[in-house]
């Protein structure tokens, strides 16, 4: 699977190398979801373009969807790290 950045939501395949830039300018992030992960210890960090943490995500033992809630207007988005390089998880970023 590849990243999809052409429509809402953006989707990030966590098995692809990090770090990587998702968006370089201001954007209103309505919600972020971590879905489809295979290990409860899968985790990572999304940051703005200045390196400030936007959302730290971690899987759950019941494999439920993890949600960030409304983050408001942020200054860019980048996937900074993922703890498990073999993750099958997907990040969905809903924006306004």
PDB file of N, CA and C in Angstrom:
ATOM      1  N   UNK A   1       0.849  -1.182   0.000  1.00  0.00           N
ATOM      2  CA  UNK A   1       0.000   0.000   0.000  1.00  0.00           C
ATOM      3  C   UNK A   1       0.888   1.235   0.000  1.00  0.00           C
ATOM      4  N   UNK A   2       0.447   2.269  -0.649  1.00  0.00           N
ATOM      5  CA  UNK A   2       1.176   3.534  -0.690  1.00  0.00           C
ATOM      6  C   UNK A   2       0.365   4.613   0.018  1.00  0.00           C
ATOM      7  N   UNK A   3       1.031   5.710   0.352  1.00  0.00           N
ATOM      8  CA  UNK A   3       0.325   6.849   0.926  1.00  0.00           C
ATOM      9  C   UNK A   3      -0.664   7.410  -0.098  1.00  0.00           C
ATOM     10  N   UNK A   4      -1.740   7.990   0.413  1.00  0.00           N
ATOM     11  CA  UNK A   4      -2.737   8.654  -0.437  1.00  0.00           C
ATOM     12  C   UNK A   4      -2.912  10.054   0.122  1.00  0.00           C
ATOM     13  N   UNK A   5      -2.454  11.054  -0.619  1.00  0.00           N
ATOM     14  CA  UNK A   5      -2.517  12.440  -0.163  1.00  0.00           C
ATOM     15  C   UNK A   5      -3.323  13.320  -1.102  1.00  0.00           C
ATOM     16  N   UNK A   6      -4.146  12.701  -1.963  1.00  0.00           N
ATOM     17  CA  UNK A   6      -4.904  13.460  -2.954  1.00  0.00           C
ATOM     18  C   UNK A   6      -6.345  13.734  -2.545  1.00  0.00           C
ATOM     19  N   UNK A   7      -6.830  13.088  -1.506  1.00  0.00           N
ATOM     20  CA  UNK A   7      -8.225  13.245  -1.095  1.00  0.00           C
ATOM     21  C   UNK A   7      -8.323  13.165   0.424  1.00  0.00           C
ATOM     22  N   UNK A   8      -9.479  13.534   0.940  1.00  0.00           N
ATOM     23  CA  UNK A   8      -9.755  13.507   2.373  1.00  0.00           C
ATOM     24  C   UNK A   8     -10.422  12.178   2.718  1.00  0.00           C
ATOM     25  N   UNK A   9      -9.879  11.372   3.629  1.00  0.00           N
ATOM     26  CA  UNK A   9      -8.707  11.605   4.460  1.00  0.00           C
ATOM     27  C   UNK A   9      -7.409  11.226   3.742  1.00  0.00           C
ATOM     28  N   UNK A  10      -6.315  11.854   4.215  1.00  0.00           N
ATOM     29  CA  UNK A  10      -5.003  11.396   3.786  1.00  0.00           C
ATOM     30  C   UNK A  10      -4.771  10.066   4.474  1.00  0.00           C
ATOM     31  N   UNK A  11      -4.132   9.124   3.817  1.00  0.00           N
ATOM     32  CA  UNK A  11      -3.796   7.856   4.464  1.00  0.00           C
ATOM     33  C   UNK A  11      -2.299   7.628   4.353  1.00  0.00           C
ATOM     34  N   UNK A  12      -1.702   7.201   5.461  1.00  0.00           N
ATOM     35  CA  UNK A  12      -0.271   6.932   5.532  1.00  0.00           C
ATOM     36  C   UNK A  12      -0.056   5.466   5.849  1.00  0.00           C
ATOM     37  N   UNK A  13       0.655   4.785   4.983  1.00  0.00           N
ATOM     38  CA  UNK A  13       1.017   3.392   5.192  1.00  0.00           C
ATOM     39  C   UNK A  13       2.223   3.368   6.124  1.00  0.00           C
ATOM     40  N   UNK A  14       2.085   2.763   7.298  1.00  0.00           N
ATOM     41  CA  UNK A  14       3.163   2.793   8.278  1.00  0.00           C
ATOM     42  C   UNK A  14       4.303   1.844   7.953  1.00  0.00           C
ATOM     43  N   UNK A  15       4.150   0.992   6.950  1.00  0.00           N
ATOM     44  CA  UNK A  15       5.252   0.103   6.584  1.00  0.00           C
ATOM     45  C   UNK A  15       6.263   0.807   5.677  1.00  0.00           C
ATOM     46  N   UNK A  16       5.946   2.035   5.247  1.00  0.00           N
ATOM     47  CA  UNK A  16       6.854   2.825   4.412  1.00  0.00           C
ATOM     48  C   UNK A  16       7.800   3.606   5.328  1.00  0.00           C
ATOM     49  N   UNK A  17       9.009   3.841   4.888  1.00  0.00           N
ATOM     50  CA  UNK A  17      10.046   4.469   5.710  1.00  0.00           C
ATOM     51  C   UNK A  17       9.617   5.817   6.282  1.00  0.00           C
ATOM     52  N   UNK A  18      10.104   6.119   7.471  1.00  0.00           N
ATOM     53  CA  UNK A  18       9.901   7.404   8.126  1.00  0.00           C
ATOM     54  C   UNK A  18      11.266   8.001   8.412  1.00  0.00           C
ATOM     55  N   UNK A  19      11.409   9.289   8.670  1.00  0.00           N
ATOM     56  CA  UNK A  19      10.345  10.287   8.672  1.00  0.00           C
ATOM     57  C   UNK A  19       9.945  10.684   7.257  1.00  0.00           C
ATOM     58  N   UNK A  20       8.750  11.247   7.149  1.00  0.00           N
ATOM     59  CA  UNK A  20       8.309  11.774   5.859  1.00  0.00           C
ATOM     60  C   UNK A  20       7.277  12.873   6.074  1.00  0.00           C
ATOM     61  N   UNK A  21       7.321  13.852   5.167  1.00  0.00           N
ATOM     62  CA  UNK A  21       6.439  15.010   5.245  1.00  0.00           C
ATOM     63  C   UNK A  21       5.114  14.682   4.579  1.00  0.00           C
ATOM     64  N   UNK A  22       4.023  15.034   5.262  1.00  0.00           N
ATOM     65  CA  UNK A  22       2.681  14.827   4.743  1.00  0.00           C
ATOM     66  C   UNK A  22       2.161  16.116   4.121  1.00  0.00           C
ATOM     67  N   UNK A  23       2.298  17.237   4.851  1.00  0.00           N
ATOM     68  CA  UNK A  23       1.765  18.526   4.409  1.00  0.00           C
ATOM     69  C   UNK A  23       2.689  19.619   4.915  1.00  0.00           C
ATOM     70  N   UNK A  24       2.997  20.618   4.068  1.00  0.00           N
ATOM     71  CA  UNK A  24       4.000  21.630   4.428  1.00  0.00           C
ATOM     72  C   UNK A  24       3.434  22.968   4.887  1.00  0.00           C
ATOM     73  N   UNK A  25       2.134  23.149   4.895  1.00  0.00           N
ATOM     74  CA  UNK A  25       1.580  24.439   5.310  1.00  0.00           C
ATOM     75  C   UNK A  25       0.484  24.237   6.346  1.00  0.00           C
ATOM     76  N   UNK A  26      -0.112  25.339   6.771  1.00  0.00           N
ATOM     77  CA  UNK A  26      -1.149  25.252   7.798  1.00  0.00           C
ATOM     78  C   UNK A  26      -2.362  24.497   7.277  1.00  0.00           C
ATOM     79  N   UNK A  27      -2.956  23.711   8.162  1.00  0.00           N
ATOM     80  CA  UNK A  27      -4.136  22.910   7.827  1.00  0.00           C
ATOM     81  C   UNK A  27      -4.913  22.651   9.117  1.00  0.00           C
ATOM     82  N   UNK A  28      -6.238  22.570   9.001  1.00  0.00           N
ATOM     83  CA  UNK A  28      -7.086  22.248  10.155  1.00  0.00           C
ATOM     84  C   UNK A  28      -7.263  20.728  10.188  1.00  0.00           C
ATOM     85  N   UNK A  29      -6.729  20.105  11.231  1.00  0.00           N
ATOM     86  CA  UNK A  29      -6.862  18.652  11.396  1.00  0.00           C
ATOM     87  C   UNK A  29      -8.089  18.387  12.260  1.00  0.00           C
ATOM     88  N   UNK A  30      -9.082  17.760  11.653  1.00  0.00           N
ATOM     89  CA  UNK A  30     -10.332  17.452  12.348  1.00  0.00           C
ATOM     90  C   UNK A  30     -10.191  16.207  13.223  1.00  0.00           C
ATOM     91  N   UNK A  31      -9.506  15.180  12.718  1.00  0.00           N
ATOM     92  CA  UNK A  31      -9.341  13.936  13.464  1.00  0.00           C
ATOM     93  C   UNK A  31      -8.253  13.115  12.803  1.00  0.00           C
ATOM     94  N   UNK A  32      -7.545  12.329  13.602  1.00  0.00           N
ATOM     95  CA  UNK A  32      -6.578  11.366  13.090  1.00  0.00           C
ATOM     96  C   UNK A  32      -6.949  10.012  13.673  1.00  0.00           C
ATOM     97  N   UNK A  33      -6.888   8.978  12.839  1.00  0.00           N
ATOM     98  CA  UNK A  33      -7.178   7.614  13.290  1.00  0.00           C
ATOM     99  C   UNK A  33      -6.002   6.698  12.988  1.00  0.00           C
ATOM    100  N   UNK A  34      -5.729   5.793  13.919  1.00  0.00           N
ATOM    101  CA  UNK A  34      -4.734   4.740  13.735  1.00  0.00           C
ATOM    102  C   UNK A  34      -5.520   3.446  13.635  1.00  0.00           C
ATOM    103  N   UNK A  35      -5.478   2.806  12.467  1.00  0.00           N
ATOM    104  CA  UNK A  35      -6.305   1.617  12.195  1.00  0.00           C
ATOM    105  C   UNK A  35      -5.465   0.516  11.560  1.00  0.00           C
ATOM    106  N   UNK A  36      -5.991  -0.703  11.583  1.00  0.00           N
ATOM    107  CA  UNK A  36      -5.403  -1.816  10.858  1.00  0.00           C
ATOM    108  C   UNK A  36      -4.047  -2.273  11.344  1.00  0.00           C
ATOM    109  N   UNK A  37      -3.685  -1.947  12.565  1.00  0.00           N
ATOM    110  CA  UNK A  37      -2.389  -2.357  13.086  1.00  0.00           C
ATOM    111  C   UNK A  37      -2.447  -3.817  13.536  1.00  0.00           C
ATOM    112  N   UNK A  38      -1.291  -4.471  13.512  1.00  0.00           N
ATOM    113  CA  UNK A  38      -1.257  -5.901  13.802  1.00  0.00           C
ATOM    114  C   UNK A  38      -0.680  -6.241  15.168  1.00  0.00           C
ATOM    115  N   UNK A  39      -0.078  -5.249  15.811  1.00  0.00           N
ATOM    116  CA  UNK A  39       0.543  -5.459  17.112  1.00  0.00           C
ATOM    117  C   UNK A  39       0.153  -4.322  18.048  1.00  0.00           C
ATOM    118  N   UNK A  40      -0.265  -4.676  19.244  1.00  0.00           N
ATOM    119  CA  UNK A  40      -0.710  -3.654  20.198  1.00  0.00           C
ATOM    120  C   UNK A  40       0.401  -2.679  20.577  1.00  0.00           C
ATOM    121  N   UNK A  41       1.654  -3.061  20.363  1.00  0.00           N
ATOM    122  CA  UNK A  41       2.766  -2.176  20.715  1.00  0.00           C
ATOM    123  C   UNK A  41       3.165  -1.258  19.563  1.00  0.00           C
ATOM    124  N   UNK A  42       2.497  -1.366  18.407  1.00  0.00           N
ATOM    125  CA  UNK A  42       2.775  -0.437  17.303  1.00  0.00           C
ATOM    126  C   UNK A  42       2.465   0.977  17.783  1.00  0.00           C
ATOM    127  N   UNK A  43       3.372   1.888  17.534  1.00  0.00           N
ATOM    128  CA  UNK A  43       3.205   3.258  18.015  1.00  0.00           C
ATOM    129  C   UNK A  43       4.016   4.199  17.141  1.00  0.00           C
ATOM    130  N   UNK A  44       3.759   5.486  17.284  1.00  0.00           N
ATOM    131  CA  UNK A  44       4.512   6.470  16.527  1.00  0.00           C
ATOM    132  C   UNK A  44       4.164   7.875  16.940  1.00  0.00           C
ATOM    133  N   UNK A  45       4.740   8.826  16.210  1.00  0.00           N
ATOM    134  CA  UNK A  45       4.559  10.237  16.521  1.00  0.00           C
ATOM    135  C   UNK A  45       4.324  11.016  15.238  1.00  0.00           C
ATOM    136  N   UNK A  46       3.302  11.865  15.257  1.00  0.00           N
ATOM    137  CA  UNK A  46       3.083  12.857  14.210  1.00  0.00           C
ATOM    138  C   UNK A  46       3.485  14.207  14.780  1.00  0.00           C
ATOM    139  N   UNK A  47       4.205  14.992  13.982  1.00  0.00           N
ATOM    140  CA  UNK A  47       4.670  16.311  14.416  1.00  0.00           C
ATOM    141  C   UNK A  47       4.279  17.364  13.397  1.00  0.00           C
ATOM    142  N   UNK A  48       4.379  18.645  13.821  1.00  0.00           N
ATOM    143  CA  UNK A  48       4.232  19.719  12.851  1.00  0.00           C
ATOM    144  C   UNK A  48       5.582  19.916  12.171  1.00  0.00           C
ATOM    145  N   UNK A  49       5.677  20.858  11.241  1.00  0.00           N
ATOM    146  CA  UNK A  49       6.918  21.016  10.493  1.00  0.00           C
ATOM    147  C   UNK A  49       8.059  21.618  11.312  1.00  0.00           C
ATOM    148  N   UNK A  50       7.763  22.091  12.513  1.00  0.00           N
ATOM    149  CA  UNK A  50       8.796  22.618  13.408  1.00  0.00           C
ATOM    150  C   UNK A  50       9.272  21.577  14.412  1.00  0.00           C
ATOM    151  N   UNK A  51       8.706  20.361  14.339  1.00  0.00           N
ATOM    152  CA  UNK A  51       9.111  19.291  15.245  1.00  0.00           C
ATOM    153  C   UNK A  51       8.314  19.209  16.527  1.00  0.00           C
ATOM    154  N   UNK A  52       7.228  19.977  16.645  1.00  0.00           N
ATOM    155  CA  UNK A  52       6.366  19.889  17.832  1.00  0.00           C
ATOM    156  C   UNK A  52       5.422  18.710  17.676  1.00  0.00           C
ATOM    157  N   UNK A  53       5.266  17.920  18.731  1.00  0.00           N
ATOM    158  CA  UNK A  53       4.382  16.763  18.672  1.00  0.00           C
ATOM    159  C   UNK A  53       2.928  17.189  18.510  1.00  0.00           C
ATOM    160  N   UNK A  54       2.245  16.573  17.539  1.00  0.00           N
ATOM    161  CA  UNK A  54       0.812  16.776  17.347  1.00  0.00           C
ATOM    162  C   UNK A  54       0.027  15.650  17.984  1.00  0.00           C
ATOM    163  N   UNK A  55       0.515  14.415  17.777  1.00  0.00           N
ATOM    164  CA  UNK A  55      -0.215  13.252  18.296  1.00  0.00           C
ATOM    165  C   UNK A  55       0.727  12.073  18.421  1.00  0.00           C
ATOM    166  N   UNK A  56       0.773  11.493  19.616  1.00  0.00           N
ATOM    167  CA  UNK A  56       1.485  10.243  19.857  1.00  0.00           C
ATOM    168  C   UNK A  56       0.445   9.136  19.800  1.00  0.00           C
ATOM    169  N   UNK A  57       0.658   8.156  18.945  1.00  0.00           N
ATOM    170  CA  UNK A  57      -0.322   7.079  18.833  1.00  0.00           C
ATOM    171  C   UNK A  57       0.284   5.748  19.239  1.00  0.00           C
ATOM    172  N   UNK A  58      -0.571   4.886  19.786  1.00  0.00           N
ATOM    173  CA  UNK A  58      -0.160   3.542  20.212  1.00  0.00           C
ATOM    174  C   UNK A  58      -1.346   2.613  20.034  1.00  0.00           C
ATOM    175  N   UNK A  59      -1.055   1.411  19.593  1.00  0.00           N
ATOM    176  CA  UNK A  59      -2.090   0.397  19.441  1.00  0.00           C
ATOM    177  C   UNK A  59      -2.686   0.003  20.784  1.00  0.00           C
ATOM    178  N   UNK A  60      -3.763  -0.756  20.730  1.00  0.00           N
ATOM    179  CA  UNK A  60      -4.431  -1.254  21.936  1.00  0.00           C
ATOM    180  C   UNK A  60      -4.550  -2.770  21.827  1.00  0.00           C
ATOM    181  N   UNK A  61      -4.619  -3.435  22.972  1.00  0.00           N
ATOM    182  CA  UNK A  61      -4.693  -4.900  22.960  1.00  0.00           C
ATOM    183  C   UNK A  61      -5.966  -5.425  22.326  1.00  0.00           C
ATOM    184  N   UNK A  62      -7.031  -4.624  22.290  1.00  0.00           N
ATOM    185  CA  UNK A  62      -8.268  -5.062  21.634  1.00  0.00           C
ATOM    186  C   UNK A  62      -8.331  -4.595  20.172  1.00  0.00           C
ATOM    187  N   UNK A  63      -7.248  -3.968  19.686  1.00  0.00           N
ATOM    188  CA  UNK A  63      -7.097  -3.531  18.284  1.00  0.00           C
ATOM    189  C   UNK A  63      -8.201  -2.580  17.809  1.00  0.00           C
ATOM    190  N   UNK A  64      -8.712  -1.768  18.729  1.00  0.00           N
ATOM    191  CA  UNK A  64      -9.710  -0.764  18.369  1.00  0.00           C
ATOM    192  C   UNK A  64      -9.047   0.406  17.642  1.00  0.00           C
ATOM    193  N   UNK A  65      -9.861   1.186  16.961  1.00  0.00           N
ATOM    194  CA  UNK A  65      -9.367   2.381  16.277  1.00  0.00           C
ATOM    195  C   UNK A  65      -8.959   3.403  17.331  1.00  0.00           C
ATOM    196  N   UNK A  66      -7.757   3.924  17.206  1.00  0.00           N
ATOM    197  CA  UNK A  66      -7.282   4.969  18.104  1.00  0.00           C
ATOM    198  C   UNK A  66      -7.523   6.314  17.421  1.00  0.00           C
ATOM    199  N   UNK A  67      -8.093   7.273  18.149  1.00  0.00           N
ATOM    200  CA  UNK A  67      -8.471   8.570  17.566  1.00  0.00           C
ATOM    201  C   UNK A  67      -7.844   9.722  18.337  1.00  0.00           C
ATOM    202  N   UNK A  68      -7.501  10.782  17.603  1.00  0.00           N
ATOM    203  CA  UNK A  68      -6.877  11.952  18.227  1.00  0.00           C
ATOM    204  C   UNK A  68      -7.900  12.976  18.693  1.00  0.00           C
ATOM    205  N   UNK A  69      -9.012  13.085  17.984  1.00  0.00           N
ATOM    206  CA  UNK A  69      -9.924  14.193  18.210  1.00  0.00           C
ATOM    207  C   UNK A  69      -9.463  15.394  17.396  1.00  0.00           C
ATOM    208  N   UNK A  70     -10.193  16.492  17.479  1.00  0.00           N
ATOM    209  CA  UNK A  70      -9.911  17.695  16.689  1.00  0.00           C
ATOM    210  C   UNK A  70      -8.639  18.378  17.205  1.00  0.00           C
ATOM    211  N   UNK A  71      -7.639  18.525  16.346  1.00  0.00           N
ATOM    212  CA  UNK A  71      -6.384  19.179  16.729  1.00  0.00           C
ATOM    213  C   UNK A  71      -6.371  20.660  16.376  1.00  0.00           C
ATOM    214  N   UNK A  72      -7.351  21.107  15.582  1.00  0.00           N
ATOM    215  CA  UNK A  72      -7.393  22.503  15.170  1.00  0.00           C
ATOM    216  C   UNK A  72      -6.407  22.779  14.049  1.00  0.00           C
ATOM    217  N   UNK A  73      -6.004  24.034  13.915  1.00  0.00           N
ATOM    218  CA  UNK A  73      -5.078  24.427  12.859  1.00  0.00           C
ATOM    219  C   UNK A  73      -3.653  24.127  13.311  1.00  0.00           C
ATOM    220  N   UNK A  74      -2.939  23.388  12.471  1.00  0.00           N
ATOM    221  CA  UNK A  74      -1.556  23.018  12.772  1.00  0.00           C
ATOM    222  C   UNK A  74      -0.654  23.521  11.653  1.00  0.00           C
ATOM    223  N   UNK A  75       0.624  23.655  11.959  1.00  0.00           N
ATOM    224  CA  UNK A  75       1.602  24.182  11.019  1.00  0.00           C
ATOM    225  C   UNK A  75       2.338  23.038  10.318  1.00  0.00           C
ATOM    226  N   UNK A  76       1.657  22.378   9.392  1.00  0.00           N
ATOM    227  CA  UNK A  76       2.245  21.245   8.676  1.00  0.00           C
ATOM    228  C   UNK A  76       2.087  19.951   9.445  1.00  0.00           C
ATOM    229  N   UNK A  77       2.300  18.838   8.742  1.00  0.00           N
ATOM    230  CA  UNK A  77       2.188  17.509   9.350  1.00  0.00           C
ATOM    231  C   UNK A  77       3.302  16.633   8.796  1.00  0.00           C
ATOM    232  N   UNK A  78       4.002  15.946   9.692  1.00  0.00           N
ATOM    233  CA  UNK A  78       4.990  14.965   9.267  1.00  0.00           C
ATOM    234  C   UNK A  78       4.932  13.751  10.178  1.00  0.00           C
ATOM    235  N   UNK A  79       5.149  12.592   9.584  1.00  0.00           N
ATOM    236  CA  UNK A  79       5.244  11.351  10.351  1.00  0.00           C
ATOM    237  C   UNK A  79       6.691  11.249  10.801  1.00  0.00           C
ATOM    238  N   UNK A  80       6.915  11.445  12.086  1.00  0.00           N
ATOM    239  CA  UNK A  80       8.271  11.541  12.612  1.00  0.00           C
ATOM    240  C   UNK A  80       8.871  10.190  12.958  1.00  0.00           C
ATOM    241  N   UNK A  81       8.069   9.283  13.528  1.00  0.00           N
ATOM    242  CA  UNK A  81       8.616   7.985  13.922  1.00  0.00           C
ATOM    243  C   UNK A  81       7.522   6.937  14.033  1.00  0.00           C
ATOM    244  N   UNK A  82       7.935   5.697  13.867  1.00  0.00           N
ATOM    245  CA  UNK A  82       7.090   4.529  14.085  1.00  0.00           C
ATOM    246  C   UNK A  82       7.967   3.515  14.804  1.00  0.00           C
ATOM    247  N   UNK A  83       7.471   2.937  15.906  1.00  0.00           N
ATOM    248  CA  UNK A  83       8.312   2.048  16.704  1.00  0.00           C
ATOM    249  C   UNK A  83       8.535   0.686  16.060  1.00  0.00           C
ATOM    250  N   UNK A  84       7.591   0.214  15.278  1.00  0.00           N
ATOM    251  CA  UNK A  84       7.714  -1.107  14.673  1.00  0.00           C
ATOM    252  C   UNK A  84       7.797  -0.940  13.158  1.00  0.00           C
ATOM    253  N   UNK A  85       8.979  -1.150  12.595  1.00  0.00           N
ATOM    254  CA  UNK A  85       9.176  -0.944  11.157  1.00  0.00           C
ATOM    255  C   UNK A  85       8.330  -1.904  10.311  1.00  0.00           C
ATOM    256  N   UNK A  86       7.843  -2.988  10.907  1.00  0.00           N
ATOM    257  CA  UNK A  86       7.031  -3.964  10.171  1.00  0.00           C
ATOM    258  C   UNK A  86       5.541  -3.741  10.394  1.00  0.00           C
ATOM    259  N   UNK A  87       5.165  -2.582  10.900  1.00  0.00           N
ATOM    260  CA  UNK A  87       3.759  -2.306  11.191  1.00  0.00           C
ATOM    261  C   UNK A  87       2.900  -2.422   9.937  1.00  0.00           C
ATOM    262  N   UNK A  88       1.697  -2.947  10.121  1.00  0.00           N
ATOM    263  CA  UNK A  88       0.735  -3.002   9.024  1.00  0.00           C
ATOM    264  C   UNK A  88      -0.327  -1.932   9.213  1.00  0.00           C
ATOM    265  N   UNK A  89      -0.126  -1.055  10.160  1.00  0.00           N
ATOM    266  CA  UNK A  89      -1.107  -0.029  10.472  1.00  0.00           C
ATOM    267  C   UNK A  89      -1.191   1.064   9.420  1.00  0.00           C
ATOM    268  N   UNK A  90      -2.297   1.802   9.508  1.00  0.00           N
ATOM    269  CA  UNK A  90      -2.557   2.927   8.622  1.00  0.00           C
ATOM    270  C   UNK A  90      -2.994   4.111   9.481  1.00  0.00           C
ATOM    271  N   UNK A  91      -2.485   5.286   9.137  1.00  0.00           N
ATOM    272  CA  UNK A  91      -2.926   6.532   9.767  1.00  0.00           C
ATOM    273  C   UNK A  91      -3.853   7.213   8.774  1.00  0.00           C
ATOM    274  N   UNK A  92      -5.047   7.610   9.246  1.00  0.00           N
ATOM    275  CA  UNK A  92      -5.982   8.377   8.429  1.00  0.00           C
ATOM    276  C   UNK A  92      -6.087   9.771   9.032  1.00  0.00           C
ATOM    277  N   UNK A  93      -5.808  10.795   8.227  1.00  0.00           N
ATOM    278  CA  UNK A  93      -5.844  12.175   8.694  1.00  0.00           C
ATOM    279  C   UNK A  93      -6.991  12.895   8.006  1.00  0.00           C
ATOM    280  N   UNK A  94      -7.992  13.259   8.802  1.00  0.00           N
ATOM    281  CA  UNK A  94      -9.164  13.984   8.290  1.00  0.00           C
ATOM    282  C   UNK A  94      -8.932  15.468   8.490  1.00  0.00           C
ATOM    283  N   UNK A  95      -9.059  16.257   7.433  1.00  0.00           N
ATOM    284  CA  UNK A  95      -8.783  17.680   7.504  1.00  0.00           C
ATOM    285  C   UNK A  95      -9.954  18.483   6.958  1.00  0.00           C
ATOM    286  N   UNK A  96      -9.972  19.778   7.320  1.00  0.00           N
ATOM    287  CA  UNK A  96     -11.024  20.690   6.848  1.00  0.00           C
ATOM    288  C   UNK A  96     -10.434  21.662   5.860  1.00  0.00           C
TER     289      UNK A  96
END
